[in-house]
Structures are given as C-alpha cells and as structure tokens.
Amino acid sequence: MAWDDEVAEAMAQVFDKEAGVGTSVTFRRVTQGAFTASTGVRATTNADTVVAALRGPAVTRIADQSGRMVETRHYSILASELSGITPKADDQIVDSGVAYRVTTVGRAPEAASWELECSRSAS
C-alpha cells in the first residue's frame, strides 16, 4: 500500500462522525450568476453536500479600523467527501445552522484532505 493510501485510510478513521471525533457540516458550493442592473443584485446558485469535517476552535478578532468583529474557524474535510468538487473562496460551510464564508483553500501535503479557513461576522 502506498504512503498516500495509508494516510488517506488513517484520516478516514479520524474523521469518523460515529466515533465522535468529526462533525457533520454542509459544504455549500456558491456559483455566481447574472447581474441584474435594475435591482443591483447578482444571482447565486447553491449546491449543498453534507460532509464529515474536523472543526477548529472559533477565534474572534477585530477585522479593521471599523471595529467590526470577525469570527474565523478552520475546517479539514477529507478529499473523498468532496469527490469531484474543488472548494474555492466564497463557498460556504454551514455548521449547526451558522454559515461561514470560505476565505482560504489549501490541500494537505498528502492530498487526503482540504484545509479551509472560514469566517463570518461575529455578533
């Protein structure tokens, strides 16, 4: 068995929701549509996929001089959970009804998982 296969198999065990380690979240692919000049709104289409993920802690910080608070969170999702989907900035993770915007997308060195930095306005 190749190293990449062994890593992918081990990660699948870590991400096991039934074992109580991973959590179930919704990956939402957001596709931009046409812009309507009369309303000033760009249409979007969403496609949801429920996946197992490892969730990092929430970190709240001040975004800029406006004093606006932003909550960021890191999610790791097995590549096999998103088969055929390449995450991109502006997609979303919906976690317990709370939507986070994907801001940064990375791939684990073994390509076994997607590493997503996400944020939302904090209240």
Protein backbone atom coordinates (compact mmCIF):
# COMPACT_ATOMS: atom_id res chain seq x y z
CA MET A 1 0.00 0.00 0.00
CA ALA A 2 1.38 3.39 -0.98
CA TRP A 3 2.05 6.06 1.66
CA ASP A 4 -0.73 8.33 0.32
CA ASP A 5 -3.24 5.47 0.56
CA GLU A 6 -2.19 4.70 4.14
CA VAL A 7 -2.54 8.36 5.13
CA ALA A 8 -5.97 8.60 3.47
CA GLU A 9 -7.13 5.45 5.29
CA ALA A 10 -5.88 6.74 8.66
CA MET A 11 -7.51 10.14 8.11
CA ALA A 12 -10.83 8.48 7.24
CA GLN A 13 -10.78 6.86 10.69
CA VAL A 14 -10.04 10.20 12.37
CA PHE A 15 -12.90 11.93 10.53
CA ASP A 16 -15.40 9.24 11.58
CA LYS A 17 -18.51 11.04 12.90
CA GLU A 18 -19.78 7.86 14.54
CA ALA A 19 -16.62 7.66 16.64
CA GLY A 20 -17.39 11.14 17.95
CA VAL A 21 -14.31 12.85 16.52
CA GLY A 22 -15.52 14.54 13.36
CA THR A 23 -18.62 16.64 12.96
CA SER A 24 -21.22 16.81 10.22
CA VAL A 25 -21.30 20.10 8.28
CA THR A 26 -22.73 21.23 4.96
CA PHE A 27 -20.34 22.30 2.23
CA ARG A 28 -22.19 24.82 0.08
CA ARG A 29 -20.87 25.41 -3.45
CA VAL A 30 -21.80 29.01 -4.35
CA THR A 31 -21.94 29.81 -8.06
CA GLN A 32 -22.32 33.41 -9.18
CA GLY A 33 -24.98 34.08 -11.80
CA ALA A 34 -26.02 37.06 -13.87
CA PHE A 35 -26.10 40.60 -12.52
CA THR A 36 -29.47 42.34 -12.68
CA ALA A 37 -28.91 46.08 -13.19
CA SER A 38 -32.45 47.07 -12.19
CA THR A 39 -32.12 45.51 -8.72
CA GLY A 40 -28.36 45.77 -8.32
CA VAL A 41 -28.21 42.12 -7.26
CA ARG A 42 -26.13 39.25 -8.62
CA ALA A 43 -27.97 35.93 -8.65
CA THR A 44 -26.34 32.93 -6.95
CA THR A 45 -26.96 29.22 -7.15
CA ASN A 46 -26.15 26.95 -4.19
CA ALA A 47 -25.43 23.22 -4.21
CA ASP A 48 -25.18 21.57 -0.77
CA THR A 49 -23.18 18.47 0.19
CA VAL A 50 -23.19 17.07 3.75
CA VAL A 51 -19.66 16.04 4.76
CA ALA A 52 -17.66 14.94 7.78
CA ALA A 53 -15.15 17.53 8.97
CA LEU A 54 -12.72 18.30 11.74
CA ARG A 55 -13.58 21.71 13.18
CA GLY A 56 -11.01 24.01 14.73
CA PRO A 57 -11.78 26.45 17.55
CA ALA A 58 -13.55 29.73 16.83
CA VAL A 59 -11.30 32.79 17.01
CA THR A 60 -12.89 36.24 17.23
CA ARG A 61 -10.88 39.34 16.32
CA ILE A 62 -11.35 42.93 15.20
CA ALA A 63 -11.31 42.98 11.39
CA ASP A 64 -10.14 46.54 10.76
CA GLN A 65 -10.41 50.14 11.96
CA SER A 66 -14.22 49.94 11.73
CA GLY A 67 -14.22 47.84 14.89
CA ARG A 68 -16.20 45.08 13.17
CA MET A 69 -15.74 41.70 14.84
CA VAL A 70 -14.99 38.65 12.68
CA GLU A 71 -15.11 35.02 13.79
CA THR A 72 -12.77 32.64 11.95
CA ARG A 73 -12.71 28.87 12.02
CA HIS A 74 -10.62 26.16 10.35
CA TYR A 75 -12.22 23.06 8.82
CA SER A 76 -10.49 19.95 7.49
CA ILE A 77 -12.56 17.85 5.07
CA LEU A 78 -11.49 14.56 3.52
CA ALA A 79 -10.94 14.94 -0.21
CA SER A 80 -13.05 11.82 -0.76
CA GLU A 81 -16.02 13.58 0.91
CA LEU A 82 -15.87 16.25 -1.82
CA SER A 83 -15.29 13.88 -4.71
CA GLY A 84 -15.20 15.89 -7.91
CA ILE A 85 -15.53 19.24 -6.09
CA THR A 86 -12.68 21.68 -5.67
CA PRO A 87 -13.51 24.19 -2.91
CA LYS A 88 -12.95 27.86 -3.67
CA ALA A 89 -13.09 31.17 -1.84
CA ASP A 90 -16.68 32.39 -1.36
CA ASP A 91 -18.07 28.87 -1.00
CA GLN A 92 -19.63 28.29 2.43
CA ILE A 93 -19.55 25.89 5.34
CA VAL A 94 -22.82 25.66 7.25
CA ASP A 95 -22.13 24.39 10.77
CA SER A 96 -25.11 23.92 13.13
CA GLY A 97 -27.10 26.46 11.12
CA VAL A 98 -24.30 29.06 11.09
CA ALA A 99 -22.89 29.97 7.66
CA TYR A 100 -19.15 30.67 7.33
CA ARG A 101 -17.63 32.04 4.11
CA VAL A 102 -14.58 30.16 2.84
CA THR A 103 -11.71 32.66 2.66
CA THR A 104 -8.68 30.43 2.05
CA VAL A 105 -8.42 26.96 0.49
CA GLY A 106 -5.44 24.64 0.92
CA ARG A 107 -4.69 20.98 0.35
CA ALA A 108 -2.92 18.71 2.85
CA PRO A 109 0.50 17.55 1.59
CA GLU A 110 -0.78 14.01 1.02
CA ALA A 111 -3.83 15.46 -0.86
CA ALA A 112 -6.02 13.47 1.53
CA SER A 113 -7.91 16.50 2.83
CA TRP A 114 -8.97 20.05 2.03
CA GLU A 115 -8.00 22.70 4.59
CA LEU A 116 -10.50 25.57 4.66
CA GLU A 117 -10.21 28.84 6.56
CA CYS A 118 -13.67 30.33 7.01
CA SER A 119 -15.08 33.50 8.53
CA ARG A 120 -18.32 35.25 9.43
CA SER A 121 -19.30 38.50 11.08
CA ALA A 122 -19.40 38.00 14.84
CA SER A 123 -22.21 39.47 16.89
